[in-house]
């Protein structure tokens, strides 16, 4: 059983696979196990996903959008209610705009289509467990664009004040860059970038990169000045 995401780096990442097609579900679970993940549960619907998430509290849930008793949007909300520290990565045959946006709004960290390779899936699960947003190429721009569209103005007058460098780092985080990639772009050390990231988290009162990216997008801080 998972004890939360804080010690993920020190142990195998725990995963629950939610899909109503048993052959596909079992194949994905088998591939993940062979790639070093600990598959702690599988489920075929909203109800079973919630019940099992409450018990096993996995680091990551791989979520299909079409389920036996509902959809992945409902299941995502139910899973996160039962296990708030869990992160949800949608793995669906659908790349439809509405499906993607609804999943993200329900709390999913990322969205991959089922045409992704086994290696891409494994890397996406690792990134999701680490708190990074993961999207199939082409979908990231869609999600960023939607958040910009619904954003209401800039930060509140009494909101947190970031330095120019922190804002710059946050902008790159919102675009999905890793600390190593940001360090290369800004000609800084990896440690310096991580220090800026942690300072930004404290000021924004967010727990991870996904929440920081969402803050940046919602407040228009992901845009170049």
Protein backbone atom coordinates (compact mmCIF):
# COMPACT_ATOMS: atom_id res chain seq x y z
CA UNK A 1 0.00 0.00 0.00
CA UNK A 2 1.22 3.47 -0.80
CA UNK A 3 1.96 5.81 2.09
CA UNK A 4 1.83 8.99 0.03
CA UNK A 5 3.89 10.51 -2.74
CA UNK A 6 6.66 12.06 -0.64
CA UNK A 7 8.87 8.95 -0.64
CA UNK A 8 8.25 7.89 -4.26
CA UNK A 9 11.92 8.20 -5.21
CA UNK A 10 12.90 5.67 -2.52
CA UNK A 11 10.54 2.87 -3.62
CA UNK A 12 8.61 1.45 -6.54
CA UNK A 13 5.87 3.74 -7.85
CA UNK A 14 2.47 2.24 -7.06
CA UNK A 15 -0.12 2.25 -9.85
CA UNK A 16 -3.79 1.34 -10.25
CA UNK A 17 -5.10 0.68 -13.78
CA UNK A 18 -8.76 1.60 -14.46
CA UNK A 19 -10.19 0.33 -17.76
CA UNK A 20 -13.34 -1.60 -18.67
CA UNK A 21 -11.59 -3.78 -21.26
CA UNK A 22 -9.98 -6.68 -19.36
CA UNK A 23 -7.51 -7.68 -22.07
CA UNK A 24 -6.19 -4.12 -22.44
CA UNK A 25 -6.24 -3.55 -18.66
CA UNK A 26 -4.29 -6.72 -17.94
CA UNK A 27 -1.78 -6.02 -20.71
CA UNK A 28 -1.05 -2.52 -19.41
CA UNK A 29 -0.74 -3.81 -15.85
CA UNK A 30 1.68 -6.51 -17.01
CA UNK A 31 3.81 -4.05 -18.98
CA UNK A 32 4.01 -1.68 -16.01
CA UNK A 33 5.00 -4.48 -13.66
CA UNK A 34 7.74 -5.57 -16.07
CA UNK A 35 8.98 -1.97 -16.19
CA UNK A 36 9.45 -1.85 -12.41
CA UNK A 37 6.17 -0.34 -11.22
CA UNK A 38 4.08 -1.92 -8.46
CA UNK A 39 0.55 -2.47 -9.79
CA UNK A 40 -1.47 -2.51 -6.56
CA UNK A 41 -4.98 -2.74 -8.05
CA UNK A 42 -7.10 -2.72 -11.20
CA UNK A 43 -10.71 -1.60 -11.66
CA UNK A 44 -13.31 -1.50 -14.42
CA UNK A 45 -15.59 1.33 -13.32
CA UNK A 46 -16.23 4.43 -11.23
CA UNK A 47 -17.42 2.58 -8.14
CA UNK A 48 -14.67 -0.01 -8.07
CA UNK A 49 -12.01 2.64 -8.77
CA UNK A 50 -13.14 4.71 -5.79
CA UNK A 51 -13.33 1.74 -3.43
CA UNK A 52 -9.91 0.39 -4.37
CA UNK A 53 -8.22 3.79 -4.38
CA UNK A 54 -9.45 4.36 -0.84
CA UNK A 55 -7.76 1.13 0.25
CA UNK A 56 -4.50 1.04 -1.73
CA UNK A 57 -3.95 4.82 -2.16
CA UNK A 58 -1.76 4.48 -5.27
CA UNK A 59 0.77 7.09 -6.37
CA UNK A 60 -0.69 7.10 -9.89
CA UNK A 61 -3.99 5.97 -11.40
CA UNK A 62 -4.07 5.22 -15.13
CA UNK A 63 -7.63 6.18 -16.08
CA UNK A 64 -9.65 5.28 -19.17
CA UNK A 65 -12.41 7.68 -20.25
CA UNK A 66 -15.00 5.02 -21.08
CA UNK A 67 -15.94 2.86 -18.08
CA UNK A 68 -18.52 0.21 -17.24
CA UNK A 69 -20.64 2.45 -15.01
CA UNK A 70 -19.73 5.99 -16.07
CA UNK A 71 -16.73 7.85 -17.42
CA UNK A 72 -13.21 8.81 -16.54
CA UNK A 73 -14.21 12.32 -15.49
CA UNK A 74 -16.51 10.97 -12.79
CA UNK A 75 -13.98 8.35 -11.77
CA UNK A 76 -11.17 10.91 -11.53
CA UNK A 77 -13.19 13.03 -9.11
CA UNK A 78 -14.16 9.97 -7.06
CA UNK A 79 -10.60 8.64 -6.88
CA UNK A 80 -9.14 11.99 -5.80
CA UNK A 81 -11.83 12.37 -3.17
CA UNK A 82 -11.00 8.93 -1.79
CA UNK A 83 -7.22 9.36 -2.09
CA UNK A 84 -6.23 13.05 -2.37
CA UNK A 85 -2.49 12.38 -2.70
CA UNK A 86 -3.00 10.19 -5.77
CA UNK A 87 -2.29 11.62 -9.22
CA UNK A 88 -4.43 10.66 -12.20
CA UNK A 89 -3.02 10.12 -15.69
CA UNK A 90 -5.71 9.55 -18.31
CA UNK A 91 -4.90 6.89 -20.89
CA UNK A 92 -7.68 6.93 -23.44
CA UNK A 93 -8.46 6.06 -27.04
CA UNK A 94 -10.11 9.48 -27.32
CA UNK A 95 -8.17 12.62 -28.10
CA UNK A 96 -11.31 14.74 -28.34
CA UNK A 97 -10.94 18.28 -27.01
CA UNK A 98 -13.91 18.05 -24.64
CA UNK A 99 -12.65 14.79 -23.12
CA UNK A 100 -9.20 16.24 -22.51
CA UNK A 101 -10.44 19.45 -20.93
CA UNK A 102 -13.06 17.73 -18.77
CA UNK A 103 -10.47 15.27 -17.46
CA UNK A 104 -8.07 18.07 -16.55
CA UNK A 105 -10.82 20.09 -14.89
CA UNK A 106 -11.74 17.01 -12.84
CA UNK A 107 -8.18 16.93 -11.52
CA UNK A 108 -6.22 14.73 -13.92
CA UNK A 109 -2.53 15.59 -14.06
CA UNK A 110 -2.07 14.50 -17.65
CA UNK A 111 -3.62 12.85 -20.70
CA UNK A 112 -2.15 10.30 -23.09
CA UNK A 113 -3.85 8.59 -26.00
CA UNK A 114 -3.58 4.81 -26.22
CA UNK A 115 -1.39 5.01 -29.30
CA UNK A 116 1.48 6.03 -26.98
CA UNK A 117 4.35 3.53 -26.92
CA UNK A 118 5.17 1.41 -23.89
CA UNK A 119 8.28 3.52 -23.25
CA UNK A 120 6.25 6.74 -23.48
CA UNK A 121 3.71 5.36 -21.02
CA UNK A 122 6.38 4.33 -18.52
CA UNK A 123 8.01 7.75 -18.70
CA UNK A 124 4.62 9.45 -18.35
CA UNK A 125 3.82 7.46 -15.20
CA UNK A 126 7.19 8.41 -13.69
CA UNK A 127 6.65 12.08 -14.58
CA UNK A 128 3.12 12.02 -13.15
CA UNK A 129 4.34 10.48 -9.89
CA UNK A 130 6.94 13.27 -9.70
CA UNK A 131 4.22 15.91 -10.05
CA UNK A 132 4.83 16.95 -13.64
CA UNK A 133 2.01 17.51 -16.11
CA UNK A 134 2.12 15.08 -19.03
CA UNK A 135 0.22 15.38 -22.29
CA UNK A 136 0.34 13.65 -25.65
CA UNK A 137 2.01 16.04 -28.13
CA UNK A 138 -0.61 18.45 -29.42
CA UNK A 139 -2.82 18.25 -26.35
CA UNK A 140 -0.62 20.42 -24.13
CA UNK A 141 -1.27 23.46 -26.33
CA UNK A 142 -4.99 22.77 -26.20
CA UNK A 143 -5.04 22.72 -22.40
CA UNK A 144 -2.84 25.81 -22.09
CA UNK A 145 -5.04 27.66 -24.55
CA UNK A 146 -8.20 26.80 -22.65
CA UNK A 147 -6.78 27.96 -19.32
CA UNK A 148 -5.76 31.24 -20.92
CA UNK A 149 -9.25 31.65 -22.36
CA UNK A 150 -10.98 31.24 -19.00
CA UNK A 151 -8.42 33.16 -16.97
CA UNK A 152 -9.90 36.20 -15.24
CA UNK A 153 -7.38 39.05 -15.28
CA UNK A 154 -4.05 39.03 -13.45
CA UNK A 155 -3.04 38.22 -9.91
CA UNK A 156 -4.92 39.92 -7.06
CA UNK A 157 -3.34 43.07 -5.72
CA UNK A 158 -2.60 41.34 -2.41
CA UNK A 159 -1.37 38.16 -4.10
CA UNK A 160 2.14 36.77 -3.82
CA UNK A 161 5.01 38.82 -5.24
CA UNK A 162 7.51 36.87 -7.29
CA UNK A 163 10.92 38.11 -8.35
CA UNK A 164 11.60 38.49 -12.07
CA UNK A 165 13.70 35.31 -12.01
CA UNK A 166 11.00 33.34 -10.14
CA UNK A 167 8.41 34.50 -12.66
CA UNK A 168 10.71 33.43 -15.50
CA UNK A 169 11.19 29.97 -13.95
CA UNK A 170 7.45 29.65 -13.32
CA UNK A 171 6.75 30.53 -16.98
CA UNK A 172 8.97 27.66 -18.13
CA UNK A 173 7.41 25.28 -15.59
CA UNK A 174 4.00 26.08 -17.06
CA UNK A 175 5.34 25.08 -20.48
CA UNK A 176 6.33 21.67 -19.12
CA UNK A 177 10.11 22.13 -18.96
CA UNK A 178 12.12 20.26 -16.34
CA UNK A 179 14.48 22.03 -13.94
CA UNK A 180 17.43 20.77 -16.00
CA UNK A 181 15.94 22.21 -19.19
CA UNK A 182 15.17 25.52 -17.47
CA UNK A 183 18.73 25.69 -16.14
CA UNK A 184 20.08 25.27 -19.68
CA UNK A 185 17.80 27.98 -21.08
CA UNK A 186 18.63 30.49 -18.34
CA UNK A 187 22.33 29.54 -18.04
CA UNK A 188 21.90 28.70 -14.37
CA UNK A 189 22.86 25.70 -12.28
CA UNK A 190 20.29 22.97 -11.72
CA UNK A 191 20.45 23.67 -7.94
CA UNK A 192 19.77 27.38 -8.45
CA UNK A 193 16.70 26.62 -10.54
CA UNK A 194 15.44 24.15 -7.93
CA UNK A 195 15.90 26.83 -5.25
CA UNK A 196 13.80 29.24 -7.32
CA UNK A 197 11.18 26.54 -7.82
CA UNK A 198 10.91 25.84 -4.09
CA UNK A 199 10.77 29.57 -3.26
CA UNK A 200 7.96 29.97 -5.81
CA UNK A 201 6.05 27.03 -4.31
CA UNK A 202 6.24 28.64 -0.86
CA UNK A 203 5.06 32.03 -2.11
CA UNK A 204 2.19 30.60 -4.15
CA UNK A 205 1.34 28.07 -1.43
CA UNK A 206 1.27 25.21 -3.92
CA UNK A 207 2.42 21.65 -3.34
CA UNK A 208 3.90 20.68 -6.70
CA UNK A 209 4.76 21.69 -10.25
CA UNK A 210 1.29 20.90 -11.58
CA UNK A 211 -0.36 23.32 -9.16
CA UNK A 212 2.29 25.96 -9.88
CA UNK A 213 1.75 25.57 -13.63
CA UNK A 214 -2.00 25.92 -13.22
CA UNK A 215 -1.50 29.08 -11.17
CA UNK A 216 0.75 30.51 -13.88
CA UNK A 217 -1.71 29.69 -16.64
CA UNK A 218 -4.75 30.99 -14.78
CA UNK A 219 -2.98 34.30 -14.07
CA UNK A 220 -1.42 34.73 -17.48
CA UNK A 221 2.12 34.30 -16.14
CA UNK A 222 2.95 31.69 -18.76
CA UNK A 223 3.07 34.38 -21.45
CA UNK A 224 6.27 36.07 -22.58
CA UNK A 225 6.37 39.71 -21.40
